[in-house]
C-alpha atoms as a PDB file:
ATOM      1  CA  MET A   1     -15.893  12.537 -30.155  1.00  0.00           C
ATOM      2  CA  ALA A   2     -19.389  12.280 -28.697  1.00  0.00           C
ATOM      3  CA  ARG A   3     -21.419  15.455 -29.078  1.00  0.00           C
ATOM      4  CA  THR A   4     -24.160  17.056 -27.039  1.00  0.00           C
ATOM      5  CA  GLY A   5     -26.267  19.642 -28.822  1.00  0.00           C
ATOM      6  CA  GLY A   6     -23.863  19.625 -31.776  1.00  0.00           C
ATOM      7  CA  ARG A   7     -20.845  20.617 -29.676  1.00  0.00           C
ATOM      8  CA  PRO A   8     -18.062  18.437 -28.241  1.00  0.00           C
ATOM      9  CA  ARG A   9     -18.789  17.481 -24.669  1.00  0.00           C
ATOM     10  CA  GLN A  10     -16.709  19.482 -22.202  1.00  0.00           C
ATOM     11  CA  ILE A  11     -15.049  17.580 -19.374  1.00  0.00           C
ATOM     12  CA  GLU A  12     -13.051  18.706 -16.360  1.00  0.00           C
ATOM     13  CA  PRO A  13     -10.422  16.941 -14.224  1.00  0.00           C
ATOM     14  CA  ALA A  14     -13.091  16.416 -11.558  1.00  0.00           C
ATOM     15  CA  ASP A  15     -15.113  14.374 -14.073  1.00  0.00           C
ATOM     16  CA  ILE A  16     -12.100  12.180 -14.778  1.00  0.00           C
ATOM     17  CA  VAL A  17     -11.456  11.662 -11.072  1.00  0.00           C
ATOM     18  CA  ARG A  18     -15.092  10.775 -10.407  1.00  0.00           C
ATOM     19  CA  VAL A  19     -15.280   8.216 -13.202  1.00  0.00           C
ATOM     20  CA  GLY A  20     -11.793   6.892 -12.493  1.00  0.00           C
ATOM     21  CA  ARG A  21     -12.723   6.219  -8.892  1.00  0.00           C
ATOM     22  CA  GLU A  22     -15.948   4.541  -9.969  1.00  0.00           C
ATOM     23  CA  LEU A  23     -13.908   2.218 -12.181  1.00  0.00           C
ATOM     24  CA  GLY A  24     -11.224   1.720  -9.549  1.00  0.00           C
ATOM     25  CA  LEU A  25      -7.478   1.756 -10.074  1.00  0.00           C
ATOM     26  CA  ARG A  26      -7.482  -1.943 -10.925  1.00  0.00           C
ATOM     27  CA  ASN A  27      -9.756  -1.360 -13.940  1.00  0.00           C
ATOM     28  CA  LEU A  28      -8.507   2.110 -14.825  1.00  0.00           C
ATOM     29  CA  SER A  29      -7.646   2.931 -18.433  1.00  0.00           C
ATOM     30  CA  LEU A  30      -7.949   5.893 -20.770  1.00  0.00           C
ATOM     31  CA  ASN A  31     -10.429   4.030 -22.957  1.00  0.00           C
ATOM     32  CA  ALA A  32     -12.603   2.972 -20.014  1.00  0.00           C
ATOM     33  CA  VAL A  33     -12.763   6.502 -18.604  1.00  0.00           C
ATOM     34  CA  ALA A  34     -13.441   8.020 -22.024  1.00  0.00           C
ATOM     35  CA  ALA A  35     -16.257   5.545 -22.690  1.00  0.00           C
ATOM     36  CA  ARG A  36     -17.930   6.359 -19.373  1.00  0.00           C
ATOM     37  CA  LEU A  37     -17.664  10.086 -20.080  1.00  0.00           C
ATOM     38  CA  GLY A  38     -18.878   9.781 -23.657  1.00  0.00           C
ATOM     39  CA  VAL A  39     -15.748  11.301 -25.192  1.00  0.00           C
ATOM     40  CA  SER A  40     -12.786  10.010 -27.156  1.00  0.00           C
ATOM     41  CA  SER A  41      -9.663   8.960 -25.268  1.00  0.00           C
ATOM     42  CA  ALA A  42      -7.818  11.754 -27.087  1.00  0.00           C
ATOM     43  CA  ALA A  43     -10.025  14.272 -25.264  1.00  0.00           C
ATOM     44  CA  LEU A  44      -8.540  13.145 -21.951  1.00  0.00           C
ATOM     45  CA  TYR A  45      -5.061  14.272 -22.980  1.00  0.00           C
ATOM     46  CA  ARG A  46      -6.099  17.868 -22.385  1.00  0.00           C
ATOM     47  CA  HIS A  47      -6.154  17.015 -18.688  1.00  0.00           C
ATOM     48  CA  VAL A  48      -3.841  14.030 -18.136  1.00  0.00           C
ATOM     49  CA  ASP A  49      -0.485  12.980 -19.521  1.00  0.00           C
ATOM     50  CA  GLY A  50      -1.393   9.515 -20.727  1.00  0.00           C
ATOM     51  CA  ARG A  51      -1.811   6.446 -18.540  1.00  0.00           C
ATOM     52  CA  TRP A  52       0.642   7.663 -15.902  1.00  0.00           C
ATOM     53  CA  GLY A  53      -1.109  10.988 -15.605  1.00  0.00           C
ATOM     54  CA  LEU A  54      -4.499   9.305 -15.314  1.00  0.00           C
ATOM     55  CA  GLU A  55      -3.268   6.988 -12.572  1.00  0.00           C
ATOM     56  CA  ARG A  56      -1.697   9.902 -10.728  1.00  0.00           C
ATOM     57  CA  LEU A  57      -4.864  11.991 -10.885  1.00  0.00           C
ATOM     58  CA  VAL A  58      -7.045   9.202  -9.504  1.00  0.00           C
ATOM     59  CA  GLY A  59      -4.486   7.681  -7.134  1.00  0.00           C
ATOM     60  CA  GLU A  60      -3.591  10.987  -5.514  1.00  0.00           C
ATOM     61  CA  SER A  61      -7.271  11.781  -5.003  1.00  0.00           C
ATOM     62  CA  LEU A  62      -7.534   8.574  -2.968  1.00  0.00           C
ATOM     63  CA  LEU A  63      -4.376   9.220  -0.961  1.00  0.00           C
ATOM     64  CA  ALA A  64      -5.668  12.698  -0.128  1.00  0.00           C
ATOM     65  CA  GLU A  65      -8.393  11.001   1.931  1.00  0.00           C
ATOM     66  CA  LEU A  66      -5.993   8.904   4.012  1.00  0.00           C
ATOM     67  CA  ASP A  67      -5.585  10.508   7.429  1.00  0.00           C
ATOM     68  CA  LEU A  68      -3.394   8.377   9.665  1.00  0.00           C
ATOM     69  CA  ARG A  69      -4.263   8.574  13.358  1.00  0.00           C
ATOM     70  CA  ASP A  70      -1.306   9.220  15.646  1.00  0.00           C
ATOM     71  CA  ASP A  71      -1.557   8.479  19.368  1.00  0.00           C
ATOM     72  CA  LEU A  72       1.198  10.625  20.849  1.00  0.00           C
ATOM     73  CA  SER A  73       1.456   8.308  23.858  1.00  0.00           C
ATOM     74  CA  ASP A  74       2.693   5.471  21.616  1.00  0.00           C
ATOM     75  CA  GLY A  75       6.385   4.700  21.374  1.00  0.00           C
ATOM     76  CA  PRO A  76       8.018   4.004  17.991  1.00  0.00           C
ATOM     77  CA  VAL A  77       6.999   0.328  17.715  1.00  0.00           C
ATOM     78  CA  PRO A  78       3.267   0.627  18.565  1.00  0.00           C
ATOM     79  CA  HIS A  79       3.092   3.847  16.546  1.00  0.00           C
ATOM     80  CA  LEU A  80       4.572   2.283  13.414  1.00  0.00           C
ATOM     81  CA  LEU A  81       2.424  -0.833  13.819  1.00  0.00           C
ATOM     82  CA  SER A  82      -0.714   1.300  14.098  1.00  0.00           C
ATOM     83  CA  ILE A  83       0.242   3.278  10.987  1.00  0.00           C
ATOM     84  CA  ALA A  84       1.004   0.077   9.068  1.00  0.00           C
ATOM     85  CA  LEU A  85      -2.356  -1.480   9.967  1.00  0.00           C
ATOM     86  CA  GLN A  86      -4.226   1.699   9.039  1.00  0.00           C
ATOM     87  CA  LEU A  87      -2.421   1.793   5.696  1.00  0.00           C
ATOM     88  CA  ARG A  88      -3.242  -1.867   5.039  1.00  0.00           C
ATOM     89  CA  ALA A  89      -6.934  -1.364   5.829  1.00  0.00           C
ATOM     90  CA  PHE A  90      -7.151   1.692   3.562  1.00  0.00           C
ATOM     91  CA  MET A  91      -5.474  -0.063   0.638  1.00  0.00           C
ATOM     92  CA  LEU A  92      -7.719  -3.107   0.950  1.00  0.00           C
ATOM     93  CA  ARG A  93     -10.750  -0.801   0.750  1.00  0.00           C
ATOM     94  CA  HIS A  94      -9.411   0.589  -2.537  1.00  0.00           C
ATOM     95  CA  PRO A  95      -8.362  -2.290  -4.820  1.00  0.00           C
ATOM     96  CA  GLY A  96      -5.490  -1.343  -7.093  1.00  0.00           C
ATOM     97  CA  LEU A  97      -4.048   1.245  -4.716  1.00  0.00           C
ATOM     98  CA  THR A  98      -1.348  -1.184  -3.579  1.00  0.00           C
ATOM     99  CA  GLY A  99      -0.052  -1.432  -7.139  1.00  0.00           C
ATOM    100  CA  TYR A 100      -0.162   2.340  -7.486  1.00  0.00           C
ATOM    101  CA  VAL A 101       1.996   3.041  -4.435  1.00  0.00           C
ATOM    102  CA  GLN A 102       4.201  -0.010  -4.985  1.00  0.00           C
ATOM    103  CA  THR A 103       5.196   1.015  -8.507  1.00  0.00           C
ATOM    104  CA  LEU A 104       6.321   4.554  -7.664  1.00  0.00           C
ATOM    105  CA  PHE A 105       5.885   6.624  -4.511  1.00  0.00           C
ATOM    106  CA  PRO A 106       5.300   9.470  -3.969  1.00  0.00           C
ATOM    107  CA  ARG A 107       3.898  10.486  -7.351  1.00  0.00           C
ATOM    108  CA  GLY A 108       2.056  13.608  -6.248  1.00  0.00           C
ATOM    109  CA  GLU A 109       0.924  15.834  -3.416  1.00  0.00           C
ATOM    110  CA  GLY A 110      -1.168  13.157  -1.700  1.00  0.00           C
ATOM    111  CA  GLY A 111       1.838  10.878  -1.393  1.00  0.00           C
ATOM    112  CA  ARG A 112       4.207  13.679  -0.395  1.00  0.00           C
ATOM    113  CA  ARG A 113       1.795  14.745   2.340  1.00  0.00           C
ATOM    114  CA  LEU A 114       1.709  11.212   3.736  1.00  0.00           C
ATOM    115  CA  LEU A 115       5.492  10.903   3.649  1.00  0.00           C
ATOM    116  CA  ALA A 116       5.941  14.265   5.369  1.00  0.00           C
ATOM    117  CA  THR A 117       3.347  13.366   8.003  1.00  0.00           C
ATOM    118  CA  ALA A 118       5.024  10.019   8.663  1.00  0.00           C
ATOM    119  CA  ALA A 119       8.430  11.661   9.055  1.00  0.00           C
ATOM    120  CA  GLU A 120       7.044  14.375  11.338  1.00  0.00           C
ATOM    121  CA  SER A 121       5.398  11.783  13.570  1.00  0.00           C
ATOM    122  CA  LEU A 122       8.788  10.131  14.064  1.00  0.00           C
ATOM    123  CA  THR A 123      10.613  13.402  14.718  1.00  0.00           C
ATOM    124  CA  ARG A 124       8.245  13.781  17.671  1.00  0.00           C
ATOM    125  CA  ARG A 125       9.654  10.460  18.878  1.00  0.00           C
ATOM    126  CA  GLY A 126      13.302  11.442  18.688  1.00  0.00           C
ATOM    127  CA  TYR A 127      14.214  10.762  15.053  1.00  0.00           C
ATOM    128  CA  SER A 128      15.795  13.124  12.560  1.00  0.00           C
ATOM    129  CA  THR A 129      13.651  13.911   9.523  1.00  0.00           C
ATOM    130  CA  GLU A 130      15.854  11.846   7.208  1.00  0.00           C
ATOM    131  CA  ALA A 131      15.861   8.860   9.574  1.00  0.00           C
ATOM    132  CA  GLY A 132      12.088   9.184   9.914  1.00  0.00           C
ATOM    133  CA  ILE A 133      11.691   9.062   6.133  1.00  0.00           C
ATOM    134  CA  VAL A 134      13.884   5.958   5.852  1.00  0.00           C
ATOM    135  CA  LEU A 135      12.165   4.125   8.707  1.00  0.00           C
ATOM    136  CA  SER A 136       8.673   5.021   7.466  1.00  0.00           C
ATOM    137  CA  ALA A 137       9.566   3.868   3.957  1.00  0.00           C
ATOM    138  CA  ALA A 138      10.919   0.557   5.257  1.00  0.00           C
ATOM    139  CA  VAL A 139       7.725  -0.180   7.183  1.00  0.00           C
ATOM    140  CA  ALA A 140       5.563   0.931   4.256  1.00  0.00           C
ATOM    141  CA  SER A 141       7.450  -1.367   1.873  1.00  0.00           C
ATOM    142  CA  VAL A 142       6.698  -4.386   4.039  1.00  0.00           C
ATOM    143  CA  VAL A 143       3.015  -3.623   4.557  1.00  0.00           C
ATOM    144  CA  ILE A 144       2.446  -2.686   0.907  1.00  0.00           C
ATOM    145  CA  GLY A 145       4.063  -5.903  -0.283  1.00  0.00           C
ATOM    146  CA  TYR A 146       1.992  -8.029   2.080  1.00  0.00           C
ATOM    147  CA  THR A 147      -1.217  -6.166   1.237  1.00  0.00           C
ATOM    148  CA  ALA A 148      -0.569  -6.659  -2.477  1.00  0.00           C
ATOM    149  CA  THR A 149      -0.489 -10.414  -1.824  1.00  0.00           C
ATOM    150  CA  GLU A 150      -3.722 -10.198   0.173  1.00  0.00           C
ATOM    151  CA  GLU A 151      -5.393  -8.272  -2.633  1.00  0.00           C
ATOM    152  CA  THR A 152      -4.371 -10.873  -5.204  1.00  0.00           C
ATOM    153  CA  GLN A 153      -5.697 -13.642  -2.962  1.00  0.00           C
ATOM    154  CA  ARG A 154      -9.021 -11.838  -2.582  1.00  0.00           C
ATOM    155  CA  GLU A 155      -9.325 -11.494  -6.345  1.00  0.00           C
ATOM    156  CA  GLN A 156      -8.815 -15.246  -6.732  1.00  0.00           C
ATOM    157  CA  ALA A 157     -10.667 -16.263  -3.561  1.00  0.00           C
ATOM    158  CA  GLU A 158     -12.958 -18.905  -5.039  1.00  0.00           C
ATOM    159  CA  GLU A 159     -10.280 -20.741  -7.009  1.00  0.00           C
ATOM    160  CA  LEU A 160      -7.727 -20.234  -4.251  1.00  0.00           C
ATOM    161  CA  ASP A 161      -9.961 -21.856  -1.623  1.00  0.00           C
ATOM    162  CA  ALA A 162     -10.243 -24.987  -3.740  1.00  0.00           C
ATOM    163  CA  GLN A 163      -6.480 -25.079  -4.232  1.00  0.00           C
ATOM    164  CA  ARG A 164      -5.882 -24.585  -0.514  1.00  0.00           C
ATOM    165  CA  ARG A 165      -8.037 -27.589   0.321  1.00  0.00           C
ATOM    166  CA  GLY A 166      -5.930 -29.715  -1.984  1.00  0.00           C
ATOM    167  CA  VAL A 167      -2.704 -28.416  -0.459  1.00  0.00           C
ATOM    168  CA  GLU A 168      -4.073 -29.011   3.044  1.00  0.00           C
ATOM    169  CA  GLN A 169      -4.939 -32.618   2.274  1.00  0.00           C
ATOM    170  CA  ALA A 170      -1.516 -33.244   0.761  1.00  0.00           C
ATOM    171  CA  LEU A 171       0.240 -31.775   3.800  1.00  0.00           C
ATOM    172  CA  LEU A 172      -1.796 -33.869   6.218  1.00  0.00           C
ATOM    173  CA  ALA A 173      -0.997 -37.007   4.239  1.00  0.00           C
ATOM    174  CA  ASP A 174       2.733 -36.248   4.111  1.00  0.00           C
ATOM    175  CA  ALA A 175       4.673 -38.470   6.530  1.00  0.00           C
ATOM    176  CA  ARG A 176       7.307 -35.767   7.019  1.00  0.00           C
ATOM    177  CA  LEU A 177       4.988 -32.803   7.568  1.00  0.00           C
ATOM    178  CA  GLY A 178       1.565 -34.129   8.574  1.00  0.00           C
ATOM    179  CA  ALA A 179       2.039 -34.328  12.352  1.00  0.00           C
ATOM    180  CA  ALA A 180       3.625 -30.879  12.578  1.00  0.00           C
ATOM    181  CA  HIS A 181       0.935 -29.381  10.359  1.00  0.00           C
ATOM    182  CA  ARG A 182      -1.815 -30.759  12.610  1.00  0.00           C
ATOM    183  CA  ALA A 183      -0.145 -29.089  15.594  1.00  0.00           C
ATOM    184  CA  LEU A 184      -0.108 -25.638  13.992  1.00  0.00           C
ATOM    185  CA  PRO A 185      -2.634 -23.178  15.469  1.00  0.00           C
ATOM    186  CA  THR A 186      -5.324 -21.589  13.339  1.00  0.00           C
ATOM    187  CA  ILE A 187      -4.617 -17.865  13.115  1.00  0.00           C
ATOM    188  CA  ALA A 188      -7.055 -15.300  11.722  1.00  0.00           C
ATOM    189  CA  PRO A 189      -5.667 -13.108   8.907  1.00  0.00           C
ATOM    190  CA  ASP A 190      -5.769  -9.878  10.932  1.00  0.00           C
ATOM    191  CA  GLU A 191      -3.999 -11.515  13.872  1.00  0.00           C
ATOM    192  CA  TYR A 192      -1.380 -12.996  11.543  1.00  0.00           C
ATOM    193  CA  VAL A 193      -0.666  -9.620   9.949  1.00  0.00           C
ATOM    194  CA  ARG A 194      -0.450  -7.839  13.301  1.00  0.00           C
ATOM    195  CA  MET A 195       1.890 -10.487  14.704  1.00  0.00           C
ATOM    196  CA  TRP A 196       4.391 -10.538  11.850  1.00  0.00           C
ATOM    197  CA  LEU A 197       4.264  -6.836  11.082  1.00  0.00           C
ATOM    198  CA  GLY A 198       4.946  -6.197  14.751  1.00  0.00           C
ATOM    199  CA  ALA A 199       7.962  -8.505  14.650  1.00  0.00           C
ATOM    200  CA  ALA A 200       9.340  -6.790  11.537  1.00  0.00           C
ATOM    201  CA  ILE A 201       8.816  -3.333  13.008  1.00  0.00           C
ATOM    202  CA  ARG A 202      10.552  -4.281  16.253  1.00  0.00           C
ATOM    203  CA  GLY A 203      13.521  -5.376  14.156  1.00  0.00           C
ATOM    204  CA  PHE A 204      13.519  -2.087  12.251  1.00  0.00           C
ATOM    205  CA  VAL A 205      13.426  -0.042  15.449  1.00  0.00           C
ATOM    206  CA  GLU A 206      16.228  -2.094  17.002  1.00  0.00           C
ATOM    207  CA  ALA A 207      18.378  -1.231  13.983  1.00  0.00           C
ATOM    208  CA  ALA A 208      17.152   2.369  13.906  1.00  0.00           C
ATOM    209  CA  PRO A 209      16.393   3.529  17.454  1.00  0.00           C
ATOM    210  CA  PRO A 210      15.435   7.147  18.166  1.00  0.00           C
ATOM    211  CA  GLY A 211      18.404   9.489  18.051  1.00  0.00           C
ATOM    212  CA  ARG A 212      20.679   7.263  15.965  1.00  0.00           C
ATOM    213  CA  PRO A 213      22.097   9.196  12.980  1.00  0.00           C
ATOM    214  CA  LEU A 214      21.234   7.899   9.541  1.00  0.00           C
ATOM    215  CA  HIS A 215      24.835   7.006   8.660  1.00  0.00           C
ATOM    216  CA  GLU A 216      25.045   4.834  11.784  1.00  0.00           C
ATOM    217  CA  ILE A 217      21.748   3.137  10.900  1.00  0.00           C
ATOM    218  CA  ARG A 218      23.107   2.359   7.443  1.00  0.00           C
ATOM    219  CA  ALA A 219      26.362   1.002   8.869  1.00  0.00           C
ATOM    220  CA  ALA A 220      24.489  -1.211  11.351  1.00  0.00           C
ATOM    221  CA  LEU A 221      22.238  -2.610   8.630  1.00  0.00           C
ATOM    222  CA  LEU A 222      25.190  -3.292   6.337  1.00  0.00           C
ATOM    223  CA  ALA A 223      27.014  -5.068   9.151  1.00  0.00           C
ATOM    224  CA  ALA A 224      23.945  -7.178   9.949  1.00  0.00           C
ATOM    225  CA  GLY A 225      23.591  -8.113   6.291  1.00  0.00           C
ATOM    226  CA  GLU A 226      27.199  -9.244   6.228  1.00  0.00           C
ATOM    227  CA  GLY A 227      26.786 -11.283   9.399  1.00  0.00           C
ATOM    228  CA  GLN A 228      29.032  -9.061  11.517  1.00  0.00           C
END
């Protein structure tokens, strides 16, 4: 263990959070945090329970800063779309957060606060708490999955752009697909996300309108999945 003045360096959870956030969740590890703090990785175990505990400490500190704006004049669809877009923007500003919430959610108080807030916002729009939790989770699953793809594409942007050009040329040269591909409009990423998230959310709300009990929502979704 590194020493200062002949004594082991003392660290606090706040030090771990600070360094962990500097590293980012994508690059987070016990060894990386310990090296930045000038201590052994074993010293961190006084404050965190291994890798999972480290991720939770740093991840929850980020989620604690996410305050989702709620316009009370919005109905369920525009409200959920606004929340989804805010969540996407926040995750893209914090690389690695998508993986954190996608793996297991909620892991701590930050996540529980968000889930409770999301459910409460839907109870104000006519949903029961349990239906609000289910609907919020469904929307979150879609936006988290899409944002995870966006994050991966950003990480590989330079190589991906070169690959896209090759794919584009092959599509244009394809006798079966070329003409249709030329006719497709160019859509900016933010517009694309808003358009398809909105469509998904409208489908969710049609299956789970305000006031419908959770058991009826489940039955309707099962019937739709079975083609009834």
